[in-house]
Protein backbone atom coordinates (compact mmCIF):
# COMPACT_ATOMS: atom_id res chain seq x y z
CA MET A 1 16.89 -30.30 26.33
CA ASP A 2 16.60 -31.87 29.69
CA THR A 3 18.04 -35.63 28.68
CA ASP A 4 17.52 -36.87 32.53
CA VAL A 5 13.25 -36.29 32.46
CA ASP A 6 11.62 -39.28 31.26
CA LEU A 7 10.44 -38.68 27.93
CA ARG A 8 6.67 -40.82 28.48
CA THR A 9 6.33 -39.42 31.40
CA LEU A 10 6.38 -35.94 29.89
CA LEU A 11 4.30 -36.82 27.21
CA ALA A 12 1.56 -38.09 29.39
CA VAL A 13 1.38 -35.04 31.63
CA ALA A 14 1.97 -33.31 28.47
CA PRO A 15 -2.42 -32.74 27.29
CA GLY A 16 -3.80 -31.44 30.36
CA ALA A 17 -0.91 -28.49 30.77
CA ASP A 18 -1.95 -25.06 30.37
CA GLU A 19 -0.61 -22.83 28.27
CA ALA A 20 2.62 -21.93 30.27
CA ALA A 21 2.86 -24.83 31.39
CA ARG A 22 2.88 -26.54 27.62
CA VAL A 23 6.06 -24.30 26.81
CA HIS A 24 7.99 -25.11 29.76
CA LEU A 25 7.57 -29.01 28.95
CA ALA A 26 8.68 -27.84 25.10
CA ASP A 27 11.64 -26.56 26.13
CA ARG A 28 12.76 -29.84 28.21
CA LEU A 29 11.18 -32.29 25.08
CA ARG A 30 13.31 -29.81 22.17
CA GLY A 31 16.32 -31.18 21.18
CA HIS A 32 15.93 -34.99 23.31
CA PRO A 33 17.10 -37.96 22.17
CA GLY A 34 14.50 -39.91 22.38
CA LEU A 35 12.61 -37.85 19.86
CA GLY A 36 13.84 -39.60 16.86
CA GLY A 37 12.50 -43.18 18.27
CA LEU A 38 8.74 -41.64 18.78
CA SER A 39 5.75 -43.04 16.95
CA GLY A 40 1.90 -42.79 16.75
CA THR A 41 0.15 -41.29 19.77
CA ASP A 42 2.93 -40.20 21.12
CA ALA A 43 4.82 -38.97 17.90
CA TYR A 44 2.12 -36.62 17.51
CA VAL A 45 1.89 -34.84 21.40
CA ALA A 46 5.42 -34.54 20.46
CA ALA A 47 4.89 -32.63 17.66
CA ASP A 48 1.70 -30.62 19.40
CA LEU A 49 3.78 -29.43 22.07
CA LEU A 50 6.83 -28.69 19.87
CA ARG A 51 4.60 -26.46 17.73
CA SER A 52 2.90 -24.91 20.77
CA SER A 53 6.34 -23.36 22.03
CA GLY A 54 5.94 -20.70 19.39
CA ALA A 55 9.72 -20.87 18.30
CA LEU A 56 10.67 -21.31 14.31
CA ALA A 57 13.46 -23.69 15.42
CA ASP A 58 10.88 -26.08 16.49
CA LEU A 59 8.79 -26.48 13.60
CA PRO A 60 10.11 -28.98 11.13
CA GLU A 61 10.84 -31.32 13.75
CA ALA A 62 7.25 -31.12 14.72
CA ALA A 63 6.16 -31.56 11.22
CA ARG A 64 8.37 -34.49 10.82
CA LEU A 65 6.71 -35.73 14.01
CA ALA A 66 3.19 -35.25 13.29
CA ARG A 67 4.21 -37.33 9.36
CA VAL A 68 5.24 -39.69 11.16
CA ALA A 69 1.85 -40.12 13.83
CA HIS A 70 -0.33 -39.57 10.59
CA ASP A 71 2.00 -42.52 8.74
CA ASP A 72 0.66 -44.54 11.89
CA GLY A 73 -2.89 -44.11 11.55
CA VAL A 74 -3.30 -41.14 14.54
CA ALA A 75 -6.11 -39.17 13.80
CA GLY A 76 -5.89 -35.06 13.12
CA ALA A 77 -2.31 -36.05 12.54
CA GLY A 78 -1.31 -35.30 9.05
CA HIS A 79 -3.76 -31.91 9.10
CA LEU A 80 -0.67 -30.91 12.23
CA HIS A 81 1.62 -32.00 9.85
CA ALA A 82 0.19 -30.20 7.16
CA ASN A 83 -0.15 -27.09 9.12
CA LEU A 84 2.91 -27.53 9.84
CA VAL A 85 4.99 -27.23 6.35
CA ASP A 86 2.71 -23.94 5.52
CA GLN A 87 4.36 -21.75 8.30
CA VAL A 88 7.93 -23.40 7.58
CA SER A 89 7.00 -22.26 3.63
CA LEU A 90 5.54 -19.15 4.78
CA TYR A 91 8.49 -17.83 7.57
CA SER A 92 11.26 -18.97 4.99
CA GLY A 93 9.43 -16.68 2.05
CA ARG A 94 7.89 -19.13 -0.07
CA PRO A 95 4.17 -20.01 -1.22
CA GLN A 96 1.98 -22.18 2.17
CA PRO A 97 1.73 -25.62 0.29
CA TYR A 98 -1.74 -26.68 1.11
CA GLY A 99 -3.36 -23.40 2.65
CA THR A 100 -4.55 -24.20 6.62
CA VAL A 101 -2.70 -20.96 7.40
CA LEU A 102 -4.94 -18.30 7.78
CA VAL A 103 -4.27 -14.82 9.47
CA GLU A 104 -6.11 -11.57 10.04
CA HIS A 105 -4.99 -8.67 8.19
CA GLU A 106 -6.71 -5.01 7.71
CA GLY A 107 -9.72 -7.21 9.88
CA ASP A 108 -9.72 -9.80 7.43
CA VAL A 109 -8.95 -13.20 7.90
CA VAL A 110 -6.96 -14.26 4.91
CA GLN A 111 -5.19 -16.92 3.09
CA PRO A 112 -1.49 -16.01 2.36
CA PRO A 113 -0.19 -17.25 -0.55
CA VAL A 114 -0.35 -21.02 -1.52
CA ASP A 115 1.83 -22.91 -3.75
CA PRO A 116 -0.06 -24.04 -6.89
CA SER A 117 1.21 -27.26 -8.15
CA VAL A 118 -0.16 -28.84 -4.53
CA ASP A 119 -3.57 -30.22 -5.77
CA ASP A 120 -6.82 -31.01 -3.68
CA ASP A 121 -5.75 -35.03 -4.01
CA ALA A 122 -2.82 -34.82 -1.90
CA ARG A 123 -4.83 -32.70 0.49
CA ARG A 124 -7.41 -34.79 1.58
CA VAL A 125 -4.55 -37.44 1.64
CA LEU A 126 -3.67 -35.50 4.80
CA GLY A 127 -7.46 -34.83 5.94
CA VAL A 128 -6.72 -31.23 4.90
CA PRO A 129 -10.06 -29.77 3.34
CA SER A 130 -9.93 -28.66 -0.21
CA LEU A 131 -8.59 -25.23 -1.34
CA ALA A 132 -12.26 -23.82 -1.94
CA GLU A 133 -13.13 -25.16 1.81
CA LEU A 134 -10.12 -23.20 3.31
CA ARG A 135 -10.73 -20.42 1.44
CA ALA A 136 -14.73 -19.90 1.94
CA GLU A 137 -13.83 -20.91 5.79
CA ALA A 138 -12.05 -17.79 5.59
CA GLU A 139 -14.40 -15.39 4.74
CA ARG A 140 -16.86 -17.09 7.06
CA SER A 141 -14.42 -16.37 9.57
CA SER A 142 -13.65 -12.84 8.81
CA ARG A 143 -17.81 -12.03 8.13
CA GLU A 144 -18.01 -13.09 12.03
CA LEU A 145 -15.36 -10.17 12.61
CA ALA A 146 -17.26 -7.97 10.65
CA ARG A 147 -20.13 -8.97 11.99
CA GLU A 148 -19.43 -7.69 15.80
CA ARG A 149 -17.40 -4.42 14.37
CA ALA A 150 -20.39 -3.42 13.13
CA ALA A 151 -22.51 -4.42 16.01
CA THR A 152 -19.84 -2.05 18.16
CA PRO A 153 -20.18 1.80 17.42
CA GLY A 154 -16.99 3.36 16.31
CA LEU A 155 -14.41 0.09 16.95
CA LEU A 156 -11.75 -0.13 14.80
CA PRO A 157 -8.85 -2.62 15.50
CA ARG A 158 -6.03 -1.04 17.40
CA SER A 159 -3.63 1.00 14.93
CA GLN A 160 -5.70 0.77 12.17
CA ARG A 161 -7.82 3.90 10.46
CA PHE A 162 -10.62 1.77 8.85
CA CYS A 163 -11.57 -1.93 8.61
CA ARG A 164 -14.45 -3.91 7.69
CA VAL A 165 -17.82 -4.42 9.21
CA TRP A 166 -20.67 -6.00 7.74
CA THR A 167 -24.93 -5.51 8.20
CA ASP A 168 -25.88 -8.30 5.86
CA PRO A 169 -27.25 -6.07 3.77
CA ASP A 170 -30.37 -6.55 1.84
CA PRO A 171 -30.07 -7.00 -2.20
CA ALA A 172 -32.89 -4.73 -2.66
CA ASP A 173 -31.92 -2.37 -0.41
CA LEU A 174 -28.87 -1.88 -1.79
CA ARG A 175 -30.16 -1.66 -5.15
CA ALA A 176 -32.59 1.23 -4.22
CA ARG A 177 -30.11 3.11 -1.88
CA ARG A 178 -27.71 3.43 -4.76
CA ASP A 179 -30.62 4.88 -7.45
CA ALA A 180 -31.49 7.25 -4.35
CA GLU A 181 -27.67 8.10 -3.89
CA GLY A 182 -26.78 8.07 -7.73
CA SER A 183 -23.30 6.73 -6.84
CA SER A 184 -21.90 3.04 -5.77
CA ALA A 185 -20.58 4.40 -2.68
CA TRP A 186 -22.03 6.22 0.01
CA ALA A 187 -21.95 7.05 4.13
CA ASP A 188 -23.74 6.34 7.53
CA GLY A 189 -21.95 7.67 10.14
CA ASP A 190 -18.59 6.07 10.09
CA VAL A 191 -19.69 3.45 7.79
CA LEU A 192 -19.01 3.23 3.84
CA THR A 193 -20.42 1.41 1.43
CA PHE A 194 -19.65 0.24 -1.97
CA VAL A 195 -22.07 -1.70 -4.39
CA VAL A 196 -20.99 -3.25 -7.83
CA ASP A 197 -22.91 -5.51 -10.54
CA SER A 198 -20.41 -8.54 -10.57
CA ALA A 199 -19.76 -12.09 -10.88
CA VAL A 200 -16.69 -11.96 -9.19
CA PRO A 201 -14.98 -10.45 -6.26
CA VAL A 202 -13.50 -7.02 -6.38
CA VAL A 203 -11.91 -4.19 -4.74
CA ALA A 204 -12.21 -0.84 -4.34
CA SER A 205 -8.68 0.15 -5.84
CA PRO A 206 -6.76 1.90 -5.22
CA THR A 207 -7.95 2.65 -0.88
CA PHE A 208 -9.77 -0.65 0.36
CA PRO A 209 -7.42 -3.36 -0.58
CA LEU A 210 -10.32 -5.69 0.21
CA PRO A 211 -12.74 -8.07 -1.57
CA SER A 212 -16.14 -7.52 -1.86
CA TRP A 213 -18.36 -10.09 -0.58
CA GLU A 214 -21.54 -11.83 -2.78
CA VAL A 215 -24.68 -10.13 -1.63
CA GLU A 216 -26.56 -12.52 -4.26
CA PRO A 217 -25.67 -13.45 -7.83
CA GLY A 218 -24.03 -11.07 -9.71
CA LEU A 219 -24.24 -8.18 -6.96
CA HIS A 220 -21.24 -7.25 -4.78
CA ALA A 221 -20.94 -5.09 -2.03
CA LEU A 222 -18.31 -4.12 0.68
CA GLN A 223 -18.54 -1.85 4.29
CA VAL A 224 -15.61 -0.24 5.65
CA ARG A 225 -15.36 1.73 8.70
CA VAL A 226 -13.13 4.48 8.28
CA GLU A 227 -12.08 7.52 11.23
CA ARG A 228 -12.67 10.26 10.79
CA LEU A 229 -14.97 9.54 6.95
CA GLU A 230 -16.86 13.49 6.80
CA GLU A 231 -13.58 14.29 5.98
CA ALA A 232 -12.62 11.75 3.42
CA VAL A 233 -12.09 12.20 -0.42
CA VAL A 234 -11.52 8.66 -1.45
CA THR A 235 -11.29 7.39 -6.09
CA TYR A 236 -12.45 4.17 -6.36
CA THR A 237 -11.94 1.79 -9.52
CA PHE A 238 -13.66 -1.48 -9.25
CA VAL A 239 -10.71 -3.45 -10.10
CA PRO A 240 -11.40 -7.60 -9.80
CA LEU A 241 -8.69 -9.26 -7.32
CA GLY A 242 -5.78 -10.24 -9.73
CA GLY A 243 -6.75 -7.12 -12.00
CA VAL A 244 -5.06 -4.18 -12.88
CA PRO A 245 -6.53 -0.83 -11.78
CA ARG A 246 -7.03 1.27 -15.55
CA ALA A 247 -5.08 4.59 -15.48
CA GLY A 248 -3.94 7.39 -17.26
CA THR A 249 -6.71 8.59 -19.08
CA ARG A 250 -9.34 11.23 -17.53
CA GLY A 251 -12.68 9.43 -16.19
CA ALA A 252 -11.36 5.97 -15.72
CA HIS A 253 -12.02 5.56 -12.43
CA ASP A 254 -15.78 4.79 -11.31
CA GLY A 255 -16.59 7.22 -8.53
CA ARG A 256 -15.10 9.42 -5.66
CA PHE A 257 -17.27 9.85 -2.49
CA ARG A 258 -16.31 13.65 -0.56
CA GLY A 259 -17.60 13.51 3.07
CA PRO A 260 -19.56 16.99 3.89
CA SER A 261 -16.05 18.33 5.98
CA ALA A 262 -13.94 17.24 3.19
CA PRO A 263 -11.80 19.95 1.26
CA PRO A 264 -14.25 21.32 -1.56
CA GLU A 265 -13.88 19.93 -4.68
CA GLN A 266 -11.25 21.81 -6.80
CA ARG A 267 -12.70 23.39 -10.39
CA SER A 268 -10.78 21.38 -13.07
CA ASN A 269 -10.40 23.08 -16.94
CA ASP A 270 -11.36 21.20 -19.89
CA PRO A 271 -9.78 22.07 -21.95
CA LEU A 272 -7.13 24.33 -20.91
CA ARG A 273 -6.56 27.91 -20.72
CA GLY A 274 -2.98 26.97 -21.17
CA THR A 275 -0.88 24.44 -22.95
CA LEU A 276 0.38 20.93 -22.33
CA THR A 277 2.59 19.37 -24.91
CA ASP A 278 4.73 16.15 -25.44
CA HIS A 279 8.19 16.41 -26.00
CA LEU A 280 11.70 13.82 -26.47
CA VAL A 281 14.59 15.41 -24.52
CA ALA A 282 18.62 14.09 -25.43
CA SER A 283 20.02 12.03 -22.90
CA GLU A 284 23.34 10.99 -22.32
CA PRO A 285 22.24 7.53 -20.63
CA PHE A 286 18.78 7.56 -21.70
CA GLY A 287 18.53 8.02 -24.99
CA ASP A 288 15.80 9.55 -25.76
CA ARG A 289 13.11 9.84 -22.71
CA ALA A 290 9.51 11.44 -23.15
CA VAL A 291 8.54 15.02 -21.01
CA SER A 292 5.56 16.45 -20.72
CA VAL A 293 4.75 20.57 -20.19
CA TYR A 294 2.23 22.39 -19.06
CA ARG A 295 2.24 26.15 -19.30
CA PRO A 296 -0.15 28.83 -18.28
CA ALA A 297 -1.38 31.16 -20.42
CA GLY A 298 0.24 33.98 -21.41
CA HIS A 299 3.82 32.68 -20.52
CA ARG A 300 6.53 34.23 -22.50
CA PRO A 301 10.11 32.44 -22.09
CA GLY A 302 11.73 35.11 -20.37
CA ASP A 303 9.29 36.54 -17.99
CA GLY A 304 10.46 34.81 -14.79
CA THR A 305 7.10 32.43 -14.22
CA PRO A 306 8.36 29.85 -11.52
CA VAL A 307 9.02 26.11 -13.12
CA VAL A 308 8.70 23.05 -10.94
CA TYR A 309 10.29 19.99 -11.81
CA ALA A 310 8.05 16.86 -12.09
CA THR A 311 8.09 13.10 -12.06
CA ASP A 312 5.94 10.76 -13.21
CA GLY A 313 5.11 13.35 -16.35
CA ASN A 314 3.32 10.60 -18.52
CA LEU A 315 0.49 11.47 -15.14
CA LEU A 316 0.33 14.98 -15.38
CA GLY A 317 -2.49 15.62 -17.32
CA PRO A 318 -4.71 15.79 -14.09
CA TYR A 319 -2.45 18.10 -12.46
CA ALA A 320 -1.86 20.83 -15.14
CA ARG A 321 -6.42 20.55 -15.73
CA ARG A 322 -6.89 21.74 -11.58
CA LEU A 323 -3.32 24.04 -11.67
CA ASP A 324 -4.75 25.86 -14.91
CA ALA A 325 -8.60 26.44 -12.95
CA ALA A 326 -6.70 27.34 -9.83
CA ILE A 327 -4.31 29.65 -12.14
CA GLU A 328 -7.23 31.38 -13.68
CA ASP A 329 -9.50 31.90 -10.70
CA GLY A 330 -6.14 33.51 -8.76
CA HIS A 331 -5.57 30.57 -6.31
CA CYS A 332 -2.46 29.74 -7.38
CA PRO A 333 0.04 31.56 -8.81
CA PRO A 334 1.64 31.06 -12.68
CA VAL A 335 4.18 28.11 -13.05
CA VAL A 336 5.51 26.18 -15.32
CA LEU A 337 5.23 21.96 -15.10
CA VAL A 338 8.14 20.40 -16.90
CA GLY A 339 7.17 16.43 -15.84
CA ALA A 340 9.86 13.98 -17.00
CA HIS A 341 7.70 10.45 -17.52
CA ALA A 342 8.18 7.74 -15.56
CA ALA A 343 10.48 4.40 -16.72
CA PRO A 344 8.28 1.44 -17.17
CA SER A 345 6.76 -0.34 -13.65
CA ASP A 346 4.79 -3.57 -14.92
CA HIS A 347 4.93 -7.24 -15.14
CA VAL A 348 6.44 -7.73 -18.57
CA HIS A 349 9.92 -5.01 -17.52
CA GLY A 350 9.52 -4.87 -13.77
CA ASN A 351 9.82 -1.56 -11.24
CA GLN A 352 11.95 0.32 -13.33
CA ARG A 353 10.78 2.94 -12.17
CA ALA A 354 12.02 2.44 -7.87
CA LEU A 355 14.79 1.77 -9.96
CA GLU A 356 15.55 5.48 -10.99
CA TYR A 357 13.51 7.05 -8.15
CA LEU A 358 14.89 5.46 -5.29
CA VAL A 359 18.22 5.66 -3.57
CA GLY A 360 19.84 1.75 -2.97
CA PHE A 361 18.29 -0.69 -5.10
CA ASP A 362 20.36 0.02 -8.39
CA PRO A 363 23.06 2.58 -7.82
CA ALA A 364 24.02 3.11 -11.30
CA ARG A 365 20.44 2.97 -12.68
CA PHE A 366 19.62 5.95 -9.70
CA ALA A 367 22.30 8.14 -10.73
CA ALA A 368 21.91 8.06 -14.08
CA HIS A 369 18.32 9.37 -13.75
CA GLU A 370 19.57 11.70 -11.07
CA ARG A 371 22.01 13.13 -13.57
CA PHE A 372 19.08 13.51 -16.42
CA PHE A 373 16.53 14.79 -13.97
CA THR A 374 18.75 17.59 -12.06
CA ASP A 375 21.33 18.50 -15.28
CA GLU A 376 19.85 17.72 -18.42
CA LEU A 377 16.54 18.35 -18.29
CA VAL A 378 16.94 21.45 -16.32
CA ALA A 379 19.01 22.60 -19.02
CA TRP A 380 16.79 21.74 -21.80
CA ALA A 381 13.61 23.08 -19.78
CA GLU A 382 15.86 26.22 -19.54
CA SER A 383 16.92 26.46 -23.61
CA THR A 384 13.52 25.42 -24.59
CA PHE A 385 10.63 27.77 -22.19
CA GLY A 386 13.49 30.58 -21.25
CA VAL A 387 12.21 29.18 -18.13
CA PRO A 388 13.94 30.69 -14.65
CA ALA A 389 17.31 29.36 -13.46
CA GLU A 390 17.34 31.10 -10.51
CA ARG A 391 17.63 28.98 -7.36
CA ALA A 392 14.40 30.34 -6.17
CA ARG A 393 12.38 29.98 -8.60
CA ARG A 394 12.65 26.88 -8.91
CA ALA A 395 11.13 23.71 -7.23
CA VAL A 396 10.72 20.08 -7.57
CA PHE A 397 7.41 17.71 -7.04
CA GLY A 398 6.67 13.99 -7.02
CA CYS A 399 4.17 11.66 -5.28
CA SER A 400 4.69 8.25 -4.05
CA ASP A 401 8.11 6.84 -5.05
CA GLY A 402 8.38 10.18 -6.96
CA GLY A 403 8.11 11.64 -3.16
CA GLY A 404 10.89 9.99 -2.57
CA HIS A 405 12.85 10.95 -5.41
CA ALA A 406 11.78 14.71 -4.72
CA LEU A 407 13.01 14.03 -1.05
CA THR A 408 16.88 12.80 -2.09
CA VAL A 409 17.03 15.76 -4.92
CA ALA A 410 16.23 17.89 -1.94
CA ARG A 411 18.68 16.63 -0.20
CA ARG A 412 21.20 16.33 -2.16
CA HIS A 413 20.97 19.23 -4.64
CA GLY A 414 19.51 21.91 -2.32
CA ASP A 415 21.34 24.73 -3.11
CA ARG A 416 19.28 23.79 -7.00
CA PHE A 417 16.15 24.53 -5.97
CA ALA A 418 13.76 26.34 -3.70
CA HIS A 419 11.25 24.07 -2.75
CA VAL A 420 10.40 20.89 -2.94
CA ILE A 421 6.84 19.27 -2.63
CA ALA A 422 6.64 15.33 -1.90
CA CYS A 423 3.59 13.35 -1.46
CA SER A 424 2.60 10.02 0.13
CA THR A 425 6.77 9.17 -0.45
CA GLY A 426 7.50 5.54 0.96
CA MET A 427 10.71 6.32 1.99
CA PRO A 428 10.91 7.32 5.17
CA PRO A 429 14.11 9.03 6.27
CA GLU A 430 17.54 7.24 7.79
CA ALA A 431 18.77 8.62 10.60
CA GLN A 432 22.47 9.39 9.61
CA PHE A 433 20.74 12.08 7.30
CA ARG A 434 22.51 14.93 7.71
CA TRP A 435 20.24 18.19 6.95
CA ASP A 436 21.69 21.41 5.70
CA VAL A 437 19.17 23.41 7.57
CA ASP A 438 20.53 26.49 6.19
CA GLY A 439 20.70 25.60 2.83
CA ALA A 440 17.65 23.74 2.30
CA PRO A 441 14.81 24.27 -0.09
CA PHE A 442 11.41 24.16 1.79
CA VAL A 443 9.71 21.20 2.38
CA HIS A 444 6.20 20.69 1.40
CA LEU A 445 4.75 17.18 2.68
CA CYS A 446 1.43 15.71 1.89
CA ALA A 447 -0.22 12.33 2.72
CA GLY A 448 -3.16 10.61 3.52
CA THR A 449 -4.56 8.63 6.82
CA LEU A 450 -5.89 5.68 4.58
CA GLU A 451 -2.31 4.62 2.70
CA GLY A 452 -0.89 2.93 5.55
CA GLY A 453 3.01 2.78 5.34
CA PHE A 454 3.31 5.78 2.85
CA HIS A 455 1.39 8.11 5.29
CA GLN A 456 3.51 6.39 7.68
CA ALA A 457 7.15 7.21 6.39
CA THR A 458 5.65 10.61 5.08
CA GLU A 459 4.90 11.87 8.84
CA ALA A 460 8.27 10.46 9.44
CA TRP A 461 9.29 13.26 7.18
CA ALA A 462 7.38 15.65 8.79
CA ALA A 463 8.58 14.28 12.76
CA PHE A 464 12.51 14.61 11.22
CA LEU A 465 12.42 18.07 9.92
CA HIS A 466 10.89 19.47 12.41
CA LEU A 467 13.40 17.42 14.88
CA VAL A 468 16.44 19.11 12.71
CA GLY A 469 14.96 22.76 12.75
CA ALA A 470 14.10 22.85 8.63
CA ARG A 471 11.43 25.26 7.38
CA HIS A 472 8.29 22.27 6.26
CA HIS A 473 4.64 21.61 6.20
CA PHE A 474 2.88 18.44 6.50
CA THR A 475 -0.87 18.47 5.40
CA GLU A 476 -2.46 15.35 6.17
CA ARG A 477 -5.71 14.32 4.54
CA VAL A 478 -8.08 11.61 4.90
CA ALA A 479 -7.37 9.88 1.85
CA GLY A 480 -5.64 6.67 -0.24
CA HIS A 481 -2.81 6.13 -2.01
CA ASP A 482 -4.58 8.60 -4.76
CA LEU A 483 -3.77 11.00 -6.75
CA VAL A 484 -6.78 13.35 -6.65
CA GLN A 485 -5.12 14.50 -3.13
CA TRP A 486 -1.81 14.87 -4.71
CA ALA A 487 -3.83 16.93 -7.38
CA GLU A 488 -5.50 19.09 -5.02
CA GLU A 489 -2.88 19.82 -2.96
CA LEU A 490 0.02 20.75 -5.12
CA PRO A 491 -1.85 24.47 -5.84
CA ALA A 492 -2.04 24.52 -1.78
CA ALA A 493 1.94 24.25 -2.43
CA LEU A 494 2.68 26.51 -4.57
CA ARG A 495 0.60 29.04 -3.42
CA ARG A 496 2.49 28.91 -0.32
CA ALA A 497 5.90 29.01 -2.05
CA TRP A 498 5.30 32.26 -4.69
CA VAL A 499 2.46 34.27 -3.34
């Protein structure tokens, strides 16, 4: 603050100043005792100057000044006030009231959450377009960016593995190509196109969180440039914005794209040669917990077949089908797979699954599940199915937050399990971790380049294990947060472990 500077002189030079000069002027203006008496155009200029400083602390005062200017009839001051209020709300973790803030995300221009209690009448008073108009402007901006990227072969935003592009495809061409391909997704070079009959925008879940765009009424498309697309395996389900993907049943997805250089599709047995059975296991902390168990054909109690203890046992079916075929074809050793079902994770119950799988969120809940998984579940499997108690014949397997759980088991119970298979964990290692290199399990890691933070966290684990000299193997695939990559990598990990 410079109390000696003449306030009106400072405001007079502000409109013609360049960006660097405006930051300097804002520093001189900040906290000036004359700010409280400003009105009209002077209040508007001061608000705009404080906004340009880039300092979060300046936004509330800038918003106040803009409101004063708006009340005095200064054109554009209401919109500036709304934008400043929106910024303050978003920075403080609340939805923006008016919806004027647009940001770039995954290469798209998007509108962060908007408070539904603020209506278009409140926007109109401040000279702000309707919410529908603001969203249409975001899409127009996104389309222009996507067209520019499409016109530049190979262009991806910095640090992104995929982004939207847009070639303004012809509806008739899309339908003809879909018929010719026999698929809703196809590749042209490094661009993957999805087309779907839909009256509303959809996302190609789980890999691409980008809403489709209407090509004509009832027909939507999404075009995505993907790094190393020729190696990609992408399962997709078309989910309306705000909808919930279908899961837990075979064939729940709409399709799967597999590039010409991707790992070959693995055979899947249905029906199984082995058995997949469901059980209830008594647990002191949880009462009865559901468990699914896969046993290979010919398994007998006490025959020494290795056992893998898995999280998310409610999704064991796809793993069992591929594993059963891999065992039959001699690509994988026979194993018993014991999968404890996950706690609920939905809008009704919240993410109880994460509370049980991840350290640090609910210590008591995590400790109870840890005791169940490493003690009660193991004892039950040994007494019921005669699986081996020897460390060398035991492994732990988990994906996503289940992968984080598997790595925690490796760190805290490495004396009991010889192998840990962790796919796509979202929790990177902490700097203070101590890793018993000599006594730790062999860690098998896998993640896809298209799953953002999960890939980064898993890659960080690979770097950490390399740094400390621990035994591990990291497989990087071109895939999203997709069960198919985990199901296809499980037999390979088991082959490394016991062949």
